[in-house]
Amino acid sequence: MPSSWSQVESFHPQLWRAVCGYELNPALREELMQDVLLAVWQALPTLREHERLLPFVLRVAHNLGASHVRSATRMPAPLPLDPDRHDVPDPRTTADADNARSQWLFQALVTLPLPLRQPLMLQLEGFDYGEIAALLGISQENVGVRLHRARSALKTLLSQEETA
């Protein structure tokens, strides 16, 4: 077992959220997660900078997620939020308002198209524009455009729900 594997295991929540961003079907999501973990395991010996392990494993997850999406013959229908499958806060440790906002955000993220959902999820994980650009293989300007469009779509959705 590579010495970095215990660190990879600690990144499981981030990897799971990345996988959830690429696949909505619970069964296919589990399969994609297994593929990601296997690919990370196989790629660990090539890692030179061990302090960059999180971006490394997320890049592997992105590459497999993008391949997974490209190989799909049609877009899957959006599935409702499954709190047992998504990484949602524990209601016992968060205030009701914070929990409701988190629930809404996860439900809203599912409605975004993949090119907008990817950078937003990475930004929510704490990555800056440069890191997101490197992970997704796009320019920093494109990251900014996608994040702006994603936030605009979420604002529109929120305003629609508030007026309803």
N, C-alpha and C. Protein backbone atom coordinates (compact mmCIF):
# COMPACT_ATOMS: atom_id res chain seq x y z
N MET A 1 0.85 -1.18 0.00
CA MET A 1 0.00 0.00 0.00
C MET A 1 0.90 1.24 0.00
N PRO A 2 0.69 2.16 -0.96
CA PRO A 2 1.51 3.38 -0.97
C PRO A 2 1.32 4.18 0.31
N SER A 3 2.39 4.86 0.71
CA SER A 3 2.33 5.61 1.97
C SER A 3 1.32 6.75 1.91
N SER A 4 1.01 7.26 0.74
CA SER A 4 0.07 8.36 0.59
C SER A 4 -1.39 7.91 0.63
N TRP A 5 -1.64 6.61 0.64
CA TRP A 5 -3.01 6.13 0.54
C TRP A 5 -3.86 6.58 1.72
N SER A 6 -3.28 6.65 2.92
CA SER A 6 -4.07 7.10 4.07
C SER A 6 -4.50 8.55 3.88
N GLN A 7 -3.66 9.36 3.25
CA GLN A 7 -4.05 10.73 2.93
C GLN A 7 -5.16 10.75 1.89
N VAL A 8 -5.07 9.88 0.90
CA VAL A 8 -6.11 9.80 -0.13
C VAL A 8 -7.44 9.43 0.53
N GLU A 9 -7.41 8.52 1.48
CA GLU A 9 -8.64 8.14 2.18
C GLU A 9 -9.25 9.33 2.91
N SER A 10 -8.41 10.23 3.39
CA SER A 10 -8.94 11.42 4.08
C SER A 10 -9.60 12.39 3.11
N PHE A 11 -9.32 12.26 1.81
CA PHE A 11 -9.93 13.11 0.79
C PHE A 11 -11.22 12.51 0.24
N HIS A 12 -11.70 11.44 0.83
CA HIS A 12 -12.90 10.77 0.33
C HIS A 12 -14.10 11.71 0.18
N PRO A 13 -14.37 12.61 1.15
CA PRO A 13 -15.52 13.52 0.96
C PRO A 13 -15.38 14.41 -0.28
N GLN A 14 -14.18 14.92 -0.52
CA GLN A 14 -13.98 15.76 -1.71
C GLN A 14 -14.12 14.94 -2.98
N LEU A 15 -13.57 13.74 -2.98
CA LEU A 15 -13.71 12.88 -4.17
C LEU A 15 -15.17 12.52 -4.40
N TRP A 16 -15.88 12.23 -3.32
CA TRP A 16 -17.29 11.87 -3.47
C TRP A 16 -18.08 13.04 -4.05
N ARG A 17 -17.82 14.26 -3.58
CA ARG A 17 -18.53 15.42 -4.12
C ARG A 17 -18.18 15.61 -5.59
N ALA A 18 -16.91 15.38 -5.95
CA ALA A 18 -16.52 15.49 -7.36
C ALA A 18 -17.28 14.47 -8.20
N VAL A 19 -17.35 13.24 -7.73
CA VAL A 19 -18.06 12.19 -8.46
C VAL A 19 -19.55 12.53 -8.56
N CYS A 20 -20.11 13.06 -7.48
CA CYS A 20 -21.53 13.45 -7.51
C CYS A 20 -21.78 14.54 -8.56
N GLY A 21 -20.76 15.34 -8.84
CA GLY A 21 -20.90 16.37 -9.86
C GLY A 21 -20.94 15.84 -11.27
N TYR A 22 -20.45 14.62 -11.47
CA TYR A 22 -20.42 14.04 -12.81
C TYR A 22 -21.53 13.04 -13.08
N GLU A 23 -22.04 12.43 -12.03
CA GLU A 23 -23.04 11.38 -12.25
C GLU A 23 -24.17 11.53 -11.25
N LEU A 24 -25.39 11.51 -11.73
CA LEU A 24 -26.56 11.66 -10.87
C LEU A 24 -27.18 10.32 -10.48
N ASN A 25 -26.99 9.31 -11.30
CA ASN A 25 -27.54 7.99 -11.04
C ASN A 25 -26.74 7.35 -9.91
N PRO A 26 -27.39 6.97 -8.80
CA PRO A 26 -26.66 6.43 -7.65
C PRO A 26 -25.81 5.19 -7.97
N ALA A 27 -26.32 4.29 -8.78
CA ALA A 27 -25.56 3.08 -9.10
C ALA A 27 -24.33 3.42 -9.93
N LEU A 28 -24.50 4.27 -10.93
CA LEU A 28 -23.36 4.67 -11.76
C LEU A 28 -22.38 5.53 -10.98
N ARG A 29 -22.88 6.29 -10.03
CA ARG A 29 -22.02 7.12 -9.17
C ARG A 29 -21.08 6.24 -8.35
N GLU A 30 -21.63 5.17 -7.79
CA GLU A 30 -20.79 4.22 -7.02
C GLU A 30 -19.72 3.60 -7.91
N GLU A 31 -20.11 3.23 -9.12
CA GLU A 31 -19.17 2.63 -10.05
C GLU A 31 -18.07 3.63 -10.43
N LEU A 32 -18.46 4.87 -10.69
CA LEU A 32 -17.48 5.90 -11.03
C LEU A 32 -16.53 6.15 -9.87
N MET A 33 -17.03 6.14 -8.65
CA MET A 33 -16.17 6.33 -7.47
C MET A 33 -15.14 5.22 -7.37
N GLN A 34 -15.55 3.99 -7.63
CA GLN A 34 -14.62 2.87 -7.61
C GLN A 34 -13.55 3.04 -8.69
N ASP A 35 -13.96 3.47 -9.88
CA ASP A 35 -13.00 3.71 -10.96
C ASP A 35 -12.00 4.80 -10.57
N VAL A 36 -12.50 5.86 -9.93
CA VAL A 36 -11.62 6.96 -9.51
C VAL A 36 -10.61 6.46 -8.48
N LEU A 37 -11.08 5.72 -7.48
CA LEU A 37 -10.16 5.22 -6.46
C LEU A 37 -9.11 4.28 -7.04
N LEU A 38 -9.52 3.43 -7.97
CA LEU A 38 -8.56 2.54 -8.62
C LEU A 38 -7.53 3.34 -9.42
N ALA A 39 -8.00 4.34 -10.16
CA ALA A 39 -7.08 5.15 -10.96
C ALA A 39 -6.11 5.93 -10.07
N VAL A 40 -6.60 6.44 -8.94
CA VAL A 40 -5.72 7.15 -8.01
C VAL A 40 -4.68 6.17 -7.46
N TRP A 41 -5.12 5.00 -7.08
CA TRP A 41 -4.20 3.98 -6.57
C TRP A 41 -3.09 3.68 -7.58
N GLN A 42 -3.48 3.53 -8.85
CA GLN A 42 -2.52 3.20 -9.88
C GLN A 42 -1.61 4.38 -10.22
N ALA A 43 -2.12 5.61 -10.05
CA ALA A 43 -1.33 6.79 -10.42
C ALA A 43 -0.46 7.32 -9.29
N LEU A 44 -0.68 6.89 -8.07
CA LEU A 44 0.09 7.41 -6.93
C LEU A 44 1.60 7.31 -7.11
N PRO A 45 2.14 6.22 -7.66
CA PRO A 45 3.60 6.16 -7.82
C PRO A 45 4.16 7.26 -8.74
N THR A 46 3.33 7.85 -9.57
CA THR A 46 3.83 8.90 -10.48
C THR A 46 3.82 10.28 -9.84
N LEU A 47 3.23 10.40 -8.66
CA LEU A 47 3.13 11.69 -7.98
C LEU A 47 4.51 12.09 -7.47
N ARG A 48 4.96 13.28 -7.87
CA ARG A 48 6.29 13.76 -7.46
C ARG A 48 6.21 14.71 -6.28
N GLU A 49 5.19 15.55 -6.25
CA GLU A 49 5.04 16.54 -5.19
C GLU A 49 3.92 16.08 -4.26
N HIS A 50 4.27 15.42 -3.17
CA HIS A 50 3.26 14.86 -2.28
C HIS A 50 2.43 15.92 -1.57
N GLU A 51 2.92 17.16 -1.49
CA GLU A 51 2.13 18.23 -0.89
C GLU A 51 0.99 18.67 -1.82
N ARG A 52 1.00 18.26 -3.07
CA ARG A 52 -0.04 18.57 -4.05
C ARG A 52 -0.95 17.37 -4.27
N LEU A 53 -1.13 16.55 -3.24
CA LEU A 53 -1.90 15.31 -3.38
C LEU A 53 -3.38 15.58 -3.67
N LEU A 54 -4.01 16.54 -2.98
CA LEU A 54 -5.43 16.81 -3.22
C LEU A 54 -5.69 17.26 -4.66
N PRO A 55 -4.96 18.24 -5.19
CA PRO A 55 -5.19 18.58 -6.61
C PRO A 55 -4.93 17.40 -7.55
N PHE A 56 -3.95 16.56 -7.20
CA PHE A 56 -3.63 15.40 -8.01
C PHE A 56 -4.82 14.43 -8.06
N VAL A 57 -5.38 14.09 -6.90
CA VAL A 57 -6.49 13.13 -6.90
C VAL A 57 -7.75 13.74 -7.52
N LEU A 58 -7.96 15.05 -7.33
CA LEU A 58 -9.12 15.69 -7.96
C LEU A 58 -8.95 15.76 -9.47
N ARG A 59 -7.72 15.91 -9.94
CA ARG A 59 -7.48 15.91 -11.39
C ARG A 59 -7.80 14.53 -11.97
N VAL A 60 -7.39 13.49 -11.25
CA VAL A 60 -7.72 12.12 -11.69
C VAL A 60 -9.24 11.95 -11.73
N ALA A 61 -9.91 12.43 -10.67
CA ALA A 61 -11.37 12.33 -10.62
C ALA A 61 -12.00 13.11 -11.77
N HIS A 62 -11.47 14.31 -12.05
CA HIS A 62 -12.01 15.10 -13.16
C HIS A 62 -11.84 14.38 -14.49
N ASN A 63 -10.64 13.86 -14.73
CA ASN A 63 -10.39 13.18 -16.00
C ASN A 63 -11.32 11.98 -16.19
N LEU A 64 -11.49 11.19 -15.14
CA LEU A 64 -12.39 10.05 -15.26
C LEU A 64 -13.84 10.49 -15.36
N GLY A 65 -14.21 11.53 -14.61
CA GLY A 65 -15.57 12.04 -14.69
C GLY A 65 -15.89 12.57 -16.07
N ALA A 66 -14.95 13.32 -16.65
CA ALA A 66 -15.15 13.87 -17.99
C ALA A 66 -15.25 12.74 -19.02
N SER A 67 -14.40 11.73 -18.88
CA SER A 67 -14.48 10.58 -19.79
C SER A 67 -15.81 9.85 -19.64
N HIS A 68 -16.25 9.74 -18.41
CA HIS A 68 -17.53 9.09 -18.13
C HIS A 68 -18.68 9.84 -18.81
N VAL A 69 -18.66 11.15 -18.71
CA VAL A 69 -19.72 11.96 -19.32
C VAL A 69 -19.64 11.88 -20.84
N ARG A 70 -18.43 11.96 -21.39
CA ARG A 70 -18.27 11.88 -22.84
C ARG A 70 -18.77 10.54 -23.39
N SER A 71 -18.58 9.47 -22.62
CA SER A 71 -18.96 8.16 -23.13
C SER A 71 -20.47 7.91 -23.03
N ALA A 72 -21.15 8.72 -22.25
CA ALA A 72 -22.61 8.56 -22.14
C ALA A 72 -23.25 8.96 -23.46
N THR A 73 -24.20 8.19 -23.91
CA THR A 73 -24.82 8.48 -25.20
C THR A 73 -25.86 9.59 -25.11
N ARG A 74 -26.42 9.79 -23.93
CA ARG A 74 -27.38 10.88 -23.76
C ARG A 74 -27.27 11.39 -22.33
N MET A 75 -27.76 12.60 -22.11
CA MET A 75 -27.72 13.19 -20.79
C MET A 75 -28.73 12.48 -19.89
N PRO A 76 -28.33 12.11 -18.68
CA PRO A 76 -29.30 11.49 -17.77
C PRO A 76 -30.28 12.53 -17.25
N ALA A 77 -31.47 12.09 -16.95
CA ALA A 77 -32.47 12.98 -16.37
C ALA A 77 -32.04 13.33 -14.94
N PRO A 78 -32.22 14.59 -14.54
CA PRO A 78 -31.84 14.94 -13.16
C PRO A 78 -32.63 14.14 -12.14
N LEU A 79 -31.94 13.68 -11.12
CA LEU A 79 -32.57 12.93 -10.04
C LEU A 79 -32.76 13.85 -8.85
N PRO A 80 -33.75 13.60 -8.03
CA PRO A 80 -33.92 14.43 -6.84
C PRO A 80 -32.76 14.23 -5.88
N LEU A 81 -32.55 15.22 -5.03
CA LEU A 81 -31.48 15.15 -4.04
C LEU A 81 -31.70 13.95 -3.13
N ASP A 82 -30.67 13.17 -2.96
CA ASP A 82 -30.71 12.03 -2.06
C ASP A 82 -29.75 12.33 -0.91
N PRO A 83 -30.27 12.77 0.23
CA PRO A 83 -29.40 13.16 1.35
C PRO A 83 -28.47 12.04 1.82
N ASP A 84 -28.85 10.79 1.59
CA ASP A 84 -27.99 9.69 1.99
C ASP A 84 -26.78 9.55 1.06
N ARG A 85 -26.87 10.10 -0.14
CA ARG A 85 -25.79 9.98 -1.11
C ARG A 85 -24.92 11.23 -1.21
N HIS A 86 -25.50 12.39 -0.97
CA HIS A 86 -24.75 13.64 -1.06
C HIS A 86 -24.13 13.96 0.28
N ASP A 87 -23.10 14.74 0.24
CA ASP A 87 -22.41 15.15 1.46
C ASP A 87 -23.12 16.38 2.01
N VAL A 88 -24.11 16.14 2.84
CA VAL A 88 -24.86 17.24 3.43
C VAL A 88 -24.51 17.32 4.91
N PRO A 89 -24.60 18.51 5.49
CA PRO A 89 -24.23 18.65 6.89
C PRO A 89 -25.13 17.83 7.81
N ASP A 90 -24.56 17.44 8.93
CA ASP A 90 -25.31 16.71 9.94
C ASP A 90 -26.27 17.69 10.61
N PRO A 91 -27.57 17.42 10.56
CA PRO A 91 -28.54 18.36 11.12
C PRO A 91 -28.37 18.57 12.63
N ARG A 92 -27.75 17.60 13.30
CA ARG A 92 -27.55 17.75 14.75
C ARG A 92 -26.48 18.78 15.07
N THR A 93 -25.59 19.11 14.10
CA THR A 93 -24.49 20.02 14.38
C THR A 93 -24.63 21.37 13.68
N THR A 94 -25.68 21.57 12.91
CA THR A 94 -25.85 22.84 12.21
C THR A 94 -27.21 23.43 12.55
N ALA A 95 -27.28 24.72 12.42
CA ALA A 95 -28.56 25.41 12.65
C ALA A 95 -29.53 25.05 11.53
N ASP A 96 -30.82 25.17 11.81
CA ASP A 96 -31.83 24.83 10.81
C ASP A 96 -31.69 25.66 9.56
N ALA A 97 -31.41 26.95 9.70
CA ALA A 97 -31.29 27.83 8.53
C ALA A 97 -30.09 27.41 7.68
N ASP A 98 -28.96 27.11 8.31
CA ASP A 98 -27.78 26.67 7.56
C ASP A 98 -28.06 25.36 6.85
N ASN A 99 -28.75 24.45 7.51
CA ASN A 99 -29.08 23.16 6.92
C ASN A 99 -30.00 23.34 5.71
N ALA A 100 -30.99 24.22 5.83
CA ALA A 100 -31.91 24.47 4.72
C ALA A 100 -31.17 25.07 3.53
N ARG A 101 -30.25 26.00 3.79
CA ARG A 101 -29.46 26.60 2.71
C ARG A 101 -28.59 25.56 2.03
N SER A 102 -27.97 24.69 2.80
CA SER A 102 -27.13 23.64 2.22
C SER A 102 -27.97 22.68 1.38
N GLN A 103 -29.13 22.30 1.90
CA GLN A 103 -30.02 21.42 1.14
C GLN A 103 -30.41 22.06 -0.19
N TRP A 104 -30.78 23.35 -0.12
CA TRP A 104 -31.18 24.06 -1.34
C TRP A 104 -30.02 24.11 -2.33
N LEU A 105 -28.82 24.40 -1.83
CA LEU A 105 -27.66 24.51 -2.71
C LEU A 105 -27.39 23.19 -3.42
N PHE A 106 -27.44 22.07 -2.70
CA PHE A 106 -27.21 20.78 -3.35
C PHE A 106 -28.29 20.48 -4.39
N GLN A 107 -29.53 20.82 -4.08
CA GLN A 107 -30.60 20.60 -5.05
C GLN A 107 -30.41 21.50 -6.28
N ALA A 108 -29.98 22.72 -6.07
CA ALA A 108 -29.78 23.66 -7.17
C ALA A 108 -28.57 23.26 -8.01
N LEU A 109 -27.51 22.76 -7.40
CA LEU A 109 -26.33 22.35 -8.15
C LEU A 109 -26.66 21.24 -9.14
N VAL A 110 -27.56 20.35 -8.77
CA VAL A 110 -27.93 19.24 -9.65
C VAL A 110 -28.56 19.77 -10.94
N THR A 111 -29.21 20.93 -10.88
CA THR A 111 -29.90 21.46 -12.06
C THR A 111 -28.95 22.15 -13.02
N LEU A 112 -27.74 22.50 -12.58
CA LEU A 112 -26.80 23.20 -13.46
C LEU A 112 -26.20 22.23 -14.47
N PRO A 113 -25.92 22.71 -15.68
CA PRO A 113 -25.23 21.85 -16.64
C PRO A 113 -23.79 21.60 -16.15
N LEU A 114 -23.22 20.48 -16.56
CA LEU A 114 -21.92 20.05 -16.08
C LEU A 114 -20.82 21.12 -16.22
N PRO A 115 -20.71 21.83 -17.36
CA PRO A 115 -19.64 22.82 -17.48
C PRO A 115 -19.73 23.97 -16.47
N LEU A 116 -20.93 24.22 -15.95
CA LEU A 116 -21.08 25.25 -14.92
C LEU A 116 -20.94 24.65 -13.52
N ARG A 117 -21.38 23.42 -13.37
CA ARG A 117 -21.35 22.76 -12.06
C ARG A 117 -19.92 22.45 -11.61
N GLN A 118 -19.06 22.01 -12.55
CA GLN A 118 -17.69 21.62 -12.21
C GLN A 118 -16.92 22.75 -11.51
N PRO A 119 -16.75 23.90 -12.14
CA PRO A 119 -15.94 24.94 -11.48
C PRO A 119 -16.56 25.44 -10.18
N LEU A 120 -17.88 25.48 -10.11
CA LEU A 120 -18.53 25.94 -8.90
C LEU A 120 -18.27 24.97 -7.75
N MET A 121 -18.34 23.68 -8.01
CA MET A 121 -18.08 22.71 -6.96
C MET A 121 -16.62 22.78 -6.51
N LEU A 122 -15.71 22.99 -7.45
CA LEU A 122 -14.30 23.12 -7.07
C LEU A 122 -14.07 24.39 -6.26
N GLN A 123 -14.76 25.47 -6.62
CA GLN A 123 -14.61 26.70 -5.84
C GLN A 123 -15.16 26.51 -4.43
N LEU A 124 -16.26 25.79 -4.31
CA LEU A 124 -16.81 25.50 -2.99
C LEU A 124 -15.86 24.64 -2.16
N GLU A 125 -14.99 23.89 -2.81
CA GLU A 125 -13.97 23.11 -2.10
C GLU A 125 -12.77 23.96 -1.70
N GLY A 126 -12.74 25.23 -2.14
CA GLY A 126 -11.68 26.13 -1.71
C GLY A 126 -10.57 26.37 -2.73
N PHE A 127 -10.75 25.92 -3.95
CA PHE A 127 -9.74 26.12 -4.98
C PHE A 127 -9.90 27.50 -5.60
N ASP A 128 -8.76 28.13 -5.96
CA ASP A 128 -8.82 29.43 -6.61
C ASP A 128 -8.93 29.24 -8.13
N TYR A 129 -9.08 30.36 -8.85
CA TYR A 129 -9.29 30.29 -10.29
C TYR A 129 -8.17 29.54 -11.01
N GLY A 130 -6.93 29.81 -10.62
CA GLY A 130 -5.79 29.16 -11.28
C GLY A 130 -5.81 27.65 -11.08
N GLU A 131 -6.11 27.21 -9.87
CA GLU A 131 -6.16 25.78 -9.60
C GLU A 131 -7.32 25.12 -10.33
N ILE A 132 -8.46 25.81 -10.37
CA ILE A 132 -9.62 25.26 -11.08
C ILE A 132 -9.30 25.15 -12.57
N ALA A 133 -8.66 26.17 -13.12
CA ALA A 133 -8.29 26.15 -14.53
C ALA A 133 -7.37 24.98 -14.83
N ALA A 134 -6.39 24.75 -13.95
CA ALA A 134 -5.46 23.64 -14.16
C ALA A 134 -6.17 22.29 -14.04
N LEU A 135 -7.07 22.17 -13.09
CA LEU A 135 -7.79 20.91 -12.90
C LEU A 135 -8.71 20.59 -14.07
N LEU A 136 -9.36 21.62 -14.61
CA LEU A 136 -10.34 21.39 -15.69
C LEU A 136 -9.74 21.51 -17.08
N GLY A 137 -8.50 22.01 -17.16
CA GLY A 137 -7.87 22.16 -18.46
C GLY A 137 -8.45 23.30 -19.29
N ILE A 138 -8.86 24.37 -18.61
CA ILE A 138 -9.41 25.54 -19.30
C ILE A 138 -8.66 26.77 -18.80
N SER A 139 -8.90 27.92 -19.43
CA SER A 139 -8.21 29.14 -19.01
C SER A 139 -8.86 29.72 -17.76
N GLN A 140 -8.09 30.57 -17.06
CA GLN A 140 -8.64 31.22 -15.86
C GLN A 140 -9.81 32.12 -16.23
N GLU A 141 -9.75 32.75 -17.39
CA GLU A 141 -10.85 33.59 -17.84
C GLU A 141 -12.12 32.77 -18.04
N ASN A 142 -11.94 31.58 -18.60
CA ASN A 142 -13.09 30.70 -18.81
C ASN A 142 -13.66 30.25 -17.47
N VAL A 143 -12.79 30.03 -16.48
CA VAL A 143 -13.26 29.68 -15.14
C VAL A 143 -14.15 30.81 -14.62
N GLY A 144 -13.67 32.05 -14.78
CA GLY A 144 -14.45 33.20 -14.31
C GLY A 144 -15.80 33.30 -15.00
N VAL A 145 -15.81 33.07 -16.30
CA VAL A 145 -17.07 33.14 -17.06
C VAL A 145 -18.03 32.05 -16.58
N ARG A 146 -17.52 30.83 -16.43
CA ARG A 146 -18.38 29.72 -16.00
C ARG A 146 -18.91 29.94 -14.58
N LEU A 147 -18.05 30.45 -13.69
CA LEU A 147 -18.50 30.71 -12.32
C LEU A 147 -19.56 31.82 -12.31
N HIS A 148 -19.35 32.85 -13.12
CA HIS A 148 -20.33 33.93 -13.19
C HIS A 148 -21.68 33.40 -13.69
N ARG A 149 -21.65 32.59 -14.73
CA ARG A 149 -22.88 32.03 -15.28
C ARG A 149 -23.56 31.09 -14.28
N ALA A 150 -22.76 30.31 -13.56
CA ALA A 150 -23.34 29.39 -12.58
C ALA A 150 -24.00 30.17 -11.45
N ARG A 151 -23.32 31.21 -10.95
CA ARG A 151 -23.91 32.01 -9.87
C ARG A 151 -25.16 32.74 -10.35
N SER A 152 -25.12 33.23 -11.60
CA SER A 152 -26.31 33.89 -12.16
C SER A 152 -27.48 32.92 -12.25
N ALA A 153 -27.20 31.70 -12.67
CA ALA A 153 -28.27 30.70 -12.76
C ALA A 153 -28.83 30.39 -11.38
N LEU A 154 -27.96 30.30 -10.38
CA LEU A 154 -28.43 30.03 -9.01
C LEU A 154 -29.23 31.20 -8.47
N LYS A 155 -28.81 32.44 -8.77
CA LYS A 155 -29.56 33.62 -8.33
C LYS A 155 -30.94 33.64 -8.97
N THR A 156 -31.01 33.32 -10.26
CA THR A 156 -32.28 33.29 -10.96
C THR A 156 -33.19 32.24 -10.34
N LEU A 157 -32.64 31.07 -10.08
CA LEU A 157 -33.42 30.00 -9.47
C LEU A 157 -33.93 30.41 -8.08
N LEU A 158 -33.08 31.06 -7.31
CA LEU A 158 -33.47 31.50 -5.97
C LEU A 158 -34.58 32.56 -6.04
N SER A 159 -34.44 33.50 -6.98
CA SER A 159 -35.47 34.53 -7.09
C SER A 159 -36.80 33.94 -7.56
N GLN A 160 -36.75 32.94 -8.43
CA GLN A 160 -37.97 32.27 -8.87
C GLN A 160 -38.66 31.55 -7.71
N GLU A 161 -37.85 30.92 -6.86
CA GLU A 161 -38.42 30.20 -5.72
C GLU A 161 -38.97 31.17 -4.67
N GLU A 162 -38.34 32.33 -4.53
CA GLU A 162 -38.81 33.30 -3.55
C GLU A 162 -40.13 33.94 -3.98
N THR A 163 -40.32 34.10 -5.28
CA THR A 163 -41.57 34.71 -5.77
C THR A 163 -42.70 33.69 -5.82
N ALA A 164 -42.34 32.41 -5.85
CA ALA A 164 -43.39 31.36 -5.93
C ALA A 164 -44.04 31.11 -4.60
